[in-house]
N, C-alpha and C. Protein backbone atom coordinates (compact mmCIF):
# COMPACT_ATOMS: atom_id res chain seq x y z
N MET A 1 -122.86 66.49 28.93
CA MET A 1 -121.66 65.95 29.45
C MET A 1 -122.07 64.58 30.23
N GLN A 2 -121.59 63.40 30.18
CA GLN A 2 -121.47 62.33 31.12
C GLN A 2 -121.12 62.58 32.31
N PRO A 3 -121.73 61.98 33.45
CA PRO A 3 -121.26 62.07 34.76
C PRO A 3 -119.80 61.12 34.83
N THR A 4 -119.23 61.70 35.80
CA THR A 4 -117.91 60.84 35.81
C THR A 4 -118.05 59.90 37.10
N SER A 5 -117.14 58.95 37.28
CA SER A 5 -117.19 57.85 38.44
C SER A 5 -115.81 57.90 39.01
N LEU A 6 -115.67 57.56 40.30
CA LEU A 6 -114.54 57.67 40.84
C LEU A 6 -114.37 56.14 41.25
N GLN A 7 -113.14 55.47 41.23
CA GLN A 7 -113.28 54.04 41.49
C GLN A 7 -111.68 54.04 42.32
N VAL A 8 -111.75 52.86 43.00
CA VAL A 8 -110.64 52.45 43.81
C VAL A 8 -110.48 50.83 43.71
N SER A 9 -108.96 50.57 43.37
CA SER A 9 -108.80 49.07 43.26
C SER A 9 -107.33 48.88 43.68
N ALA A 10 -106.99 47.46 44.05
CA ALA A 10 -105.91 47.08 44.20
C ALA A 10 -105.34 46.29 42.77
N PHE A 11 -104.08 46.48 42.69
CA PHE A 11 -103.42 46.40 41.21
C PHE A 11 -104.15 45.00 40.80
N ALA A 12 -104.25 44.04 41.52
CA ALA A 12 -104.79 42.76 41.07
C ALA A 12 -105.91 42.54 40.56
N ASP A 13 -106.77 43.50 40.97
CA ASP A 13 -108.20 43.91 40.47
C ASP A 13 -108.51 44.72 39.39
N LEU A 14 -107.25 45.07 38.81
CA LEU A 14 -107.41 45.97 37.77
C LEU A 14 -107.58 45.40 36.43
N SER A 15 -108.61 45.71 35.82
CA SER A 15 -108.53 45.01 34.46
C SER A 15 -107.56 45.53 33.30
N PRO A 16 -107.00 44.79 32.51
CA PRO A 16 -105.91 45.12 31.56
C PRO A 16 -106.17 46.48 30.99
N ARG A 17 -107.47 46.77 30.28
CA ARG A 17 -107.56 47.95 29.83
C ARG A 17 -107.58 49.12 30.74
N THR A 18 -107.94 48.94 32.13
CA THR A 18 -107.68 50.32 33.15
C THR A 18 -106.22 50.35 33.40
N LEU A 19 -105.64 49.27 33.63
CA LEU A 19 -104.15 49.50 33.78
C LEU A 19 -103.58 50.11 32.96
N TYR A 20 -103.69 49.83 31.55
CA TYR A 20 -103.25 50.44 30.39
C TYR A 20 -103.54 51.83 30.62
N ASP A 21 -104.85 52.20 30.65
CA ASP A 21 -105.26 53.84 30.43
C ASP A 21 -104.47 54.63 31.75
N LEU A 22 -104.36 54.08 32.73
CA LEU A 22 -103.82 54.65 33.88
C LEU A 22 -102.44 54.79 33.75
N LEU A 23 -101.57 54.16 33.15
CA LEU A 23 -100.33 54.01 32.98
C LEU A 23 -100.00 54.92 31.75
N ARG A 24 -100.82 54.95 30.98
CA ARG A 24 -100.72 55.84 29.64
C ARG A 24 -100.80 57.12 30.09
N LEU A 25 -101.85 57.63 30.91
CA LEU A 25 -102.05 58.87 31.26
C LEU A 25 -100.85 59.49 32.11
N ARG A 26 -100.42 58.37 32.89
CA ARG A 26 -99.12 58.97 33.79
C ARG A 26 -97.81 58.97 32.74
N VAL A 27 -97.61 58.23 31.89
CA VAL A 27 -96.66 58.32 31.11
C VAL A 27 -96.67 59.76 29.99
N ASP A 28 -97.80 59.94 29.73
CA ASP A 28 -98.22 61.00 28.70
C ASP A 28 -98.00 62.17 29.37
N THR A 29 -98.12 62.16 30.69
CA THR A 29 -97.92 63.65 31.41
C THR A 29 -96.64 63.39 32.12
N PHE A 30 -96.08 62.63 32.71
CA PHE A 30 -94.75 62.57 33.62
C PHE A 30 -93.71 62.66 32.72
N VAL A 31 -93.54 61.64 31.42
CA VAL A 31 -92.59 61.35 30.57
C VAL A 31 -92.72 62.37 29.46
N VAL A 32 -93.76 62.41 28.85
CA VAL A 32 -93.64 63.03 27.42
C VAL A 32 -94.02 64.60 27.72
N GLU A 33 -95.25 64.94 28.42
CA GLU A 33 -95.44 66.19 28.49
C GLU A 33 -94.26 67.15 29.27
N GLN A 34 -93.85 66.51 30.45
CA GLN A 34 -92.95 67.28 31.25
C GLN A 34 -91.63 66.72 30.89
N GLU A 35 -91.31 66.08 29.68
CA GLU A 35 -90.07 65.89 29.10
C GLU A 35 -89.08 65.29 30.18
N CYS A 36 -89.42 64.32 30.69
CA CYS A 36 -88.64 63.92 31.96
C CYS A 36 -88.61 62.02 31.87
N PRO A 37 -87.68 62.05 31.04
CA PRO A 37 -87.27 60.31 30.76
C PRO A 37 -87.03 59.75 32.22
N TYR A 38 -87.74 59.07 32.93
CA TYR A 38 -87.60 58.36 33.91
C TYR A 38 -88.37 57.10 33.96
N PRO A 39 -87.75 56.25 35.07
CA PRO A 39 -88.60 54.88 35.12
C PRO A 39 -89.94 54.89 35.78
N GLU A 40 -91.06 55.32 35.13
CA GLU A 40 -92.19 55.53 35.52
C GLU A 40 -92.67 54.37 36.26
N LEU A 41 -92.44 53.27 35.78
CA LEU A 41 -92.88 51.76 36.39
C LEU A 41 -91.91 51.30 37.34
N ASP A 42 -92.20 51.70 38.51
CA ASP A 42 -91.11 51.53 39.40
C ASP A 42 -91.25 50.46 40.55
N GLY A 43 -92.38 49.36 40.13
CA GLY A 43 -92.57 48.18 40.93
C GLY A 43 -93.42 48.63 42.14
N ARG A 44 -93.76 49.69 42.51
CA ARG A 44 -94.58 49.88 43.64
C ARG A 44 -96.08 49.64 43.24
N ASP A 45 -96.58 49.86 42.02
CA ASP A 45 -97.94 49.88 41.66
C ASP A 45 -98.43 48.46 42.24
N VAL A 46 -97.62 47.30 42.13
CA VAL A 46 -98.04 45.87 42.33
C VAL A 46 -97.84 45.73 43.82
N GLU A 47 -97.47 46.47 44.80
CA GLU A 47 -97.45 46.07 46.13
C GLU A 47 -98.89 45.82 46.70
N PRO A 48 -99.02 44.77 47.64
CA PRO A 48 -100.44 44.37 47.96
C PRO A 48 -101.22 45.36 48.53
N ASP A 49 -100.52 46.14 49.21
CA ASP A 49 -101.30 47.31 49.92
C ASP A 49 -101.40 48.54 49.08
N ALA A 50 -100.79 48.33 47.93
CA ALA A 50 -101.16 49.67 46.92
C ALA A 50 -102.75 49.51 46.49
N ARG A 51 -103.03 50.94 46.45
CA ARG A 51 -104.58 51.18 45.75
C ARG A 51 -104.34 52.41 44.75
N HIS A 52 -105.07 52.05 43.62
CA HIS A 52 -105.21 52.84 42.56
C HIS A 52 -106.53 53.47 42.65
N LEU A 53 -106.46 55.04 42.47
CA LEU A 53 -107.87 55.81 42.41
C LEU A 53 -107.87 56.34 41.12
N TRP A 54 -109.05 56.44 40.46
CA TRP A 54 -109.03 57.17 39.16
C TRP A 54 -110.48 57.65 38.88
N ILE A 55 -110.82 58.72 38.20
CA ILE A 55 -111.75 59.04 37.81
C ILE A 55 -111.97 58.86 36.32
N SER A 56 -113.03 58.51 35.65
CA SER A 56 -113.50 58.04 34.30
C SER A 56 -114.67 58.86 34.23
N ARG A 57 -114.88 59.06 32.63
CA ARG A 57 -115.94 59.47 32.17
C ARG A 57 -116.38 58.57 30.75
N ASP A 58 -117.40 57.84 30.77
CA ASP A 58 -117.66 57.23 29.59
C ASP A 58 -116.49 56.10 29.23
N GLY A 59 -115.84 55.53 30.15
CA GLY A 59 -114.85 54.76 30.22
C GLY A 59 -113.34 55.31 29.94
N ALA A 60 -113.13 56.48 29.82
CA ALA A 60 -112.05 57.22 29.59
C ALA A 60 -111.56 57.65 31.01
N VAL A 61 -110.14 57.37 31.32
CA VAL A 61 -109.61 57.90 32.37
C VAL A 61 -109.33 59.33 32.52
N LEU A 62 -109.62 59.88 33.26
CA LEU A 62 -109.46 61.57 33.45
C LEU A 62 -108.27 61.84 34.10
N ALA A 63 -108.05 61.25 35.35
CA ALA A 63 -107.35 61.59 36.70
C ALA A 63 -107.15 60.28 37.31
N CYS A 64 -105.88 60.25 38.02
CA CYS A 64 -105.62 59.09 38.91
C CYS A 64 -104.42 59.42 39.66
N LEU A 65 -104.33 58.64 40.76
CA LEU A 65 -103.15 58.82 41.88
C LEU A 65 -103.35 57.32 42.10
N ARG A 66 -102.10 56.95 43.27
CA ARG A 66 -101.97 55.72 43.82
C ARG A 66 -101.70 56.15 45.41
N VAL A 67 -101.97 55.32 46.22
CA VAL A 67 -101.61 55.33 47.51
C VAL A 67 -100.91 54.09 47.86
N LEU A 68 -99.71 54.11 48.49
CA LEU A 68 -98.90 53.23 49.07
C LEU A 68 -98.73 53.38 50.51
N ARG A 69 -98.20 52.25 50.94
CA ARG A 69 -98.01 51.96 52.36
C ARG A 69 -96.36 51.83 52.62
N GLU A 70 -95.86 52.59 53.31
CA GLU A 70 -94.33 52.76 53.62
C GLU A 70 -93.90 51.80 54.63
N PRO A 71 -92.66 51.13 54.77
CA PRO A 71 -92.53 50.17 55.75
C PRO A 71 -92.75 50.58 57.08
N ASP A 72 -92.66 51.98 57.43
CA ASP A 72 -93.16 52.37 58.79
C ASP A 72 -94.61 52.52 59.10
N GLY A 73 -95.50 52.30 58.09
CA GLY A 73 -96.90 52.45 58.23
C GLY A 73 -97.46 53.74 57.72
N THR A 74 -96.47 54.66 57.39
CA THR A 74 -97.06 55.90 56.81
C THR A 74 -97.53 55.63 55.60
N ALA A 75 -98.71 56.30 55.12
CA ALA A 75 -99.23 56.20 53.95
C ALA A 75 -98.32 57.17 52.90
N ARG A 76 -98.20 56.88 51.62
CA ARG A 76 -97.61 57.83 50.43
C ARG A 76 -98.64 58.00 49.59
N ILE A 77 -98.97 59.09 49.20
CA ILE A 77 -99.57 59.28 47.84
C ILE A 77 -98.80 59.77 46.88
N GLY A 78 -99.05 59.43 45.57
CA GLY A 78 -98.21 59.64 44.36
C GLY A 78 -99.04 59.42 43.15
N ARG A 79 -98.05 59.96 42.07
CA ARG A 79 -98.44 59.84 40.76
C ARG A 79 -99.83 60.47 40.55
N VAL A 80 -100.16 61.66 41.20
CA VAL A 80 -101.34 62.55 40.97
C VAL A 80 -101.11 62.98 39.76
N VAL A 81 -102.38 62.78 38.83
CA VAL A 81 -102.52 63.49 37.37
C VAL A 81 -103.59 63.44 37.19
N VAL A 82 -103.83 64.63 36.29
CA VAL A 82 -105.21 64.93 35.58
C VAL A 82 -104.83 65.14 34.12
N ALA A 83 -105.72 64.46 33.07
CA ALA A 83 -105.50 64.77 31.84
C ALA A 83 -105.49 66.44 31.45
N PRO A 84 -104.58 66.68 30.45
CA PRO A 84 -104.68 68.04 30.33
C PRO A 84 -105.93 68.84 29.87
N THR A 85 -107.08 68.20 29.18
CA THR A 85 -108.31 68.59 28.99
C THR A 85 -109.07 68.71 30.03
N GLU A 86 -108.78 68.11 31.16
CA GLU A 86 -109.54 68.07 32.45
C GLU A 86 -109.22 68.75 33.49
N ARG A 87 -108.09 69.59 33.39
CA ARG A 87 -107.38 70.23 34.46
C ARG A 87 -108.00 71.46 34.92
N GLY A 88 -108.52 71.76 36.07
CA GLY A 88 -109.29 72.68 36.80
C GLY A 88 -110.70 72.38 36.69
N GLY A 89 -110.95 71.17 36.61
CA GLY A 89 -112.31 70.73 36.77
C GLY A 89 -112.52 70.31 38.07
N GLY A 90 -111.65 69.97 39.13
CA GLY A 90 -111.74 69.60 40.37
C GLY A 90 -111.39 68.11 40.63
N HIS A 91 -110.89 67.49 39.52
CA HIS A 91 -110.91 65.86 39.67
C HIS A 91 -109.59 65.74 40.72
N GLY A 92 -108.64 66.48 40.68
CA GLY A 92 -107.60 66.60 41.55
C GLY A 92 -107.99 66.33 42.99
N ALA A 93 -108.72 67.55 43.48
CA ALA A 93 -109.37 67.62 44.71
C ALA A 93 -110.11 66.35 45.12
N ARG A 94 -111.05 66.02 44.18
CA ARG A 94 -111.84 64.93 44.33
C ARG A 94 -111.16 63.46 44.61
N LEU A 95 -109.75 63.38 44.03
CA LEU A 95 -109.20 62.13 44.03
C LEU A 95 -108.41 62.41 45.63
N MET A 96 -107.81 63.50 45.69
CA MET A 96 -107.36 63.80 47.35
C MET A 96 -108.03 63.37 48.39
N THR A 97 -109.31 63.81 48.10
CA THR A 97 -110.28 63.60 49.23
C THR A 97 -110.61 62.45 49.43
N GLU A 98 -110.76 61.51 48.46
CA GLU A 98 -111.07 59.99 48.66
C GLU A 98 -109.85 59.28 49.07
N ALA A 99 -108.64 59.66 48.54
CA ALA A 99 -107.46 59.30 49.10
C ALA A 99 -107.11 59.55 50.55
N LEU A 100 -107.46 60.45 50.98
CA LEU A 100 -107.44 60.90 52.28
C LEU A 100 -108.23 60.21 53.16
N THR A 101 -109.66 59.78 52.58
CA THR A 101 -110.65 58.99 53.42
C THR A 101 -110.05 57.66 53.55
N LEU A 102 -109.35 57.21 52.48
CA LEU A 102 -108.76 55.75 52.39
C LEU A 102 -107.65 55.67 53.38
N VAL A 103 -106.88 56.79 53.42
CA VAL A 103 -105.73 56.62 54.34
C VAL A 103 -106.00 56.88 55.97
N GLY A 104 -107.23 57.33 56.08
CA GLY A 104 -107.43 57.29 57.54
C GLY A 104 -106.75 58.11 58.34
N ALA A 105 -106.35 57.67 59.68
CA ALA A 105 -105.79 58.48 60.66
C ALA A 105 -104.39 58.58 60.59
N VAL A 106 -103.82 57.67 59.73
CA VAL A 106 -102.33 57.60 59.86
C VAL A 106 -101.47 58.82 58.98
N PRO A 107 -100.30 59.07 59.46
CA PRO A 107 -99.59 60.09 58.74
C PRO A 107 -99.36 59.67 57.38
N CYS A 108 -99.43 60.60 56.55
CA CYS A 108 -99.25 60.58 55.02
C CYS A 108 -98.16 61.53 54.42
N VAL A 109 -97.63 61.18 53.44
CA VAL A 109 -96.35 61.87 52.94
C VAL A 109 -96.61 61.88 51.49
N LEU A 110 -96.18 62.76 50.62
CA LEU A 110 -95.83 62.73 49.37
C LEU A 110 -94.86 63.71 48.81
N SER A 111 -94.47 63.55 47.41
CA SER A 111 -93.34 64.55 46.88
C SER A 111 -94.09 65.35 46.00
N ALA A 112 -94.08 66.65 46.23
CA ALA A 112 -95.14 67.64 45.29
C ALA A 112 -94.23 68.30 44.53
N GLN A 113 -94.63 68.31 43.28
CA GLN A 113 -93.87 69.41 42.50
C GLN A 113 -94.10 70.86 42.97
N SER A 114 -92.69 71.36 43.11
CA SER A 114 -93.11 72.78 43.98
C SER A 114 -94.25 73.58 43.61
N HIS A 115 -94.43 73.69 42.34
CA HIS A 115 -95.61 74.72 41.96
C HIS A 115 -97.13 74.12 42.37
N GLN A 116 -97.05 73.13 42.82
CA GLN A 116 -98.35 72.44 43.45
C GLN A 116 -98.40 72.43 44.93
N ALA A 117 -97.31 72.68 45.57
CA ALA A 117 -97.24 72.63 47.15
C ALA A 117 -98.62 73.20 47.75
N GLY A 118 -99.08 74.33 47.08
CA GLY A 118 -100.34 75.08 47.57
C GLY A 118 -101.55 74.23 47.60
N PHE A 119 -101.74 73.62 46.39
CA PHE A 119 -102.83 72.50 46.28
C PHE A 119 -102.76 71.67 47.34
N TYR A 120 -101.65 70.98 47.70
CA TYR A 120 -101.65 69.96 48.66
C TYR A 120 -101.75 70.43 50.24
N ALA A 121 -101.53 71.87 50.12
CA ALA A 121 -101.46 72.49 51.72
C ALA A 121 -103.05 72.36 51.86
N ARG A 122 -104.04 72.57 50.84
CA ARG A 122 -105.33 72.73 51.06
C ARG A 122 -105.66 71.35 51.80
N PHE A 123 -105.17 70.23 51.69
CA PHE A 123 -105.54 69.06 52.47
C PHE A 123 -104.77 68.85 53.60
N GLY A 124 -103.90 69.85 54.19
CA GLY A 124 -103.34 69.56 55.62
C GLY A 124 -101.86 69.06 55.32
N PHE A 125 -101.38 69.09 54.03
CA PHE A 125 -100.18 68.91 53.97
C PHE A 125 -99.17 70.30 54.34
N THR A 126 -97.89 70.00 54.89
CA THR A 126 -96.91 71.09 54.90
C THR A 126 -95.57 70.48 54.76
N ALA A 127 -94.67 71.42 54.08
CA ALA A 127 -93.29 70.96 53.73
C ALA A 127 -92.52 70.23 54.76
N ASP A 128 -91.98 69.27 54.55
CA ASP A 128 -91.25 68.34 55.42
C ASP A 128 -89.82 68.52 55.16
N GLY A 129 -89.18 69.37 54.60
CA GLY A 129 -87.76 69.28 54.21
C GLY A 129 -87.46 70.26 53.11
N PRO A 130 -86.27 70.49 52.62
CA PRO A 130 -86.12 71.74 51.66
C PRO A 130 -86.39 71.17 50.23
N GLU A 131 -86.61 71.96 49.32
CA GLU A 131 -86.97 71.81 47.98
C GLU A 131 -85.80 71.26 47.40
N TYR A 132 -85.98 69.93 46.41
CA TYR A 132 -85.09 69.34 45.80
C TYR A 132 -85.30 69.15 44.15
N ASP A 133 -84.14 68.74 43.62
CA ASP A 133 -84.46 68.81 42.06
C ASP A 133 -84.66 67.10 41.83
N GLU A 134 -85.63 66.89 41.09
CA GLU A 134 -85.84 65.24 40.61
C GLU A 134 -86.27 65.36 39.29
N ASP A 135 -85.26 65.11 38.51
CA ASP A 135 -85.35 64.90 37.07
C ASP A 135 -85.64 66.11 36.57
N GLY A 136 -85.04 67.25 37.02
CA GLY A 136 -85.12 68.36 36.47
C GLY A 136 -86.26 69.33 36.68
N ILE A 137 -87.10 68.85 37.64
CA ILE A 137 -88.43 69.64 38.28
C ILE A 137 -88.32 69.72 39.57
N PRO A 138 -88.33 70.97 40.27
CA PRO A 138 -88.24 71.18 41.71
C PRO A 138 -89.42 70.65 42.43
N HIS A 139 -89.04 69.72 43.48
CA HIS A 139 -90.12 68.96 44.19
C HIS A 139 -89.90 69.65 45.63
N VAL A 140 -90.72 69.23 46.47
CA VAL A 140 -90.94 69.53 47.91
C VAL A 140 -91.45 68.48 48.70
N PRO A 141 -90.62 67.67 49.74
CA PRO A 141 -91.33 66.77 50.50
C PRO A 141 -92.52 67.32 51.44
N MET A 142 -93.52 66.56 51.48
CA MET A 142 -94.71 67.28 52.23
C MET A 142 -95.38 66.15 53.23
N ARG A 143 -95.85 66.56 54.43
CA ARG A 143 -96.26 65.51 55.39
C ARG A 143 -97.77 66.03 55.89
N ARG A 144 -98.39 65.16 56.17
CA ARG A 144 -99.73 65.54 56.87
C ARG A 144 -99.68 64.47 58.04
N PRO A 145 -99.87 65.10 59.17
CA PRO A 145 -99.80 64.51 60.29
C PRO A 145 -100.91 63.44 60.46
N GLY A 146 -100.75 62.48 61.29
CA GLY A 146 -101.84 61.41 61.62
C GLY A 146 -102.92 62.25 62.54
N ARG A 147 -104.04 61.66 62.17
CA ARG A 147 -105.33 62.17 62.74
C ARG A 147 -105.80 61.14 64.20
N PRO A 148 -106.34 61.79 65.08
CA PRO A 148 -106.72 61.16 66.22
C PRO A 148 -107.98 60.26 65.77
N ALA A 149 -107.87 59.14 66.30
CA ALA A 149 -109.23 58.18 65.77
C ALA A 149 -110.21 58.77 66.57
N ARG A 150 -111.49 58.75 65.80
CA ARG A 150 -112.73 59.43 66.51
C ARG A 150 -113.51 58.17 67.01
């Protein structure tokens, strides 16, 4: 099996092919697999501070996420997805570790599908509000406090 690589990029630096592959994985999972028609393209991917992280093997995108900056300076991790054939292989954890390195000491939030809350708890996230329904899927807001600068 070929080794994987992890990459980080601003929107403006993504190749058209990589952008297509990232969006295709997200749509295939969040819209098609989860049967949840919603506006996946929300305009936030193109924000100047947005960073896209992905893992690929031999040019194929296996997993991805994005890191955004909220108006109050809090970081937001979202659109965390692993291709069905790659689930359980550690790609989500590898992406989260890299994303939190990128986030640094600032507080970070995310909206977890409720069945994934335990996964995010491994990275220091705790529930930050009641469970809610988003497009027919239970979610929970989660927060990881800022870390003291070293």
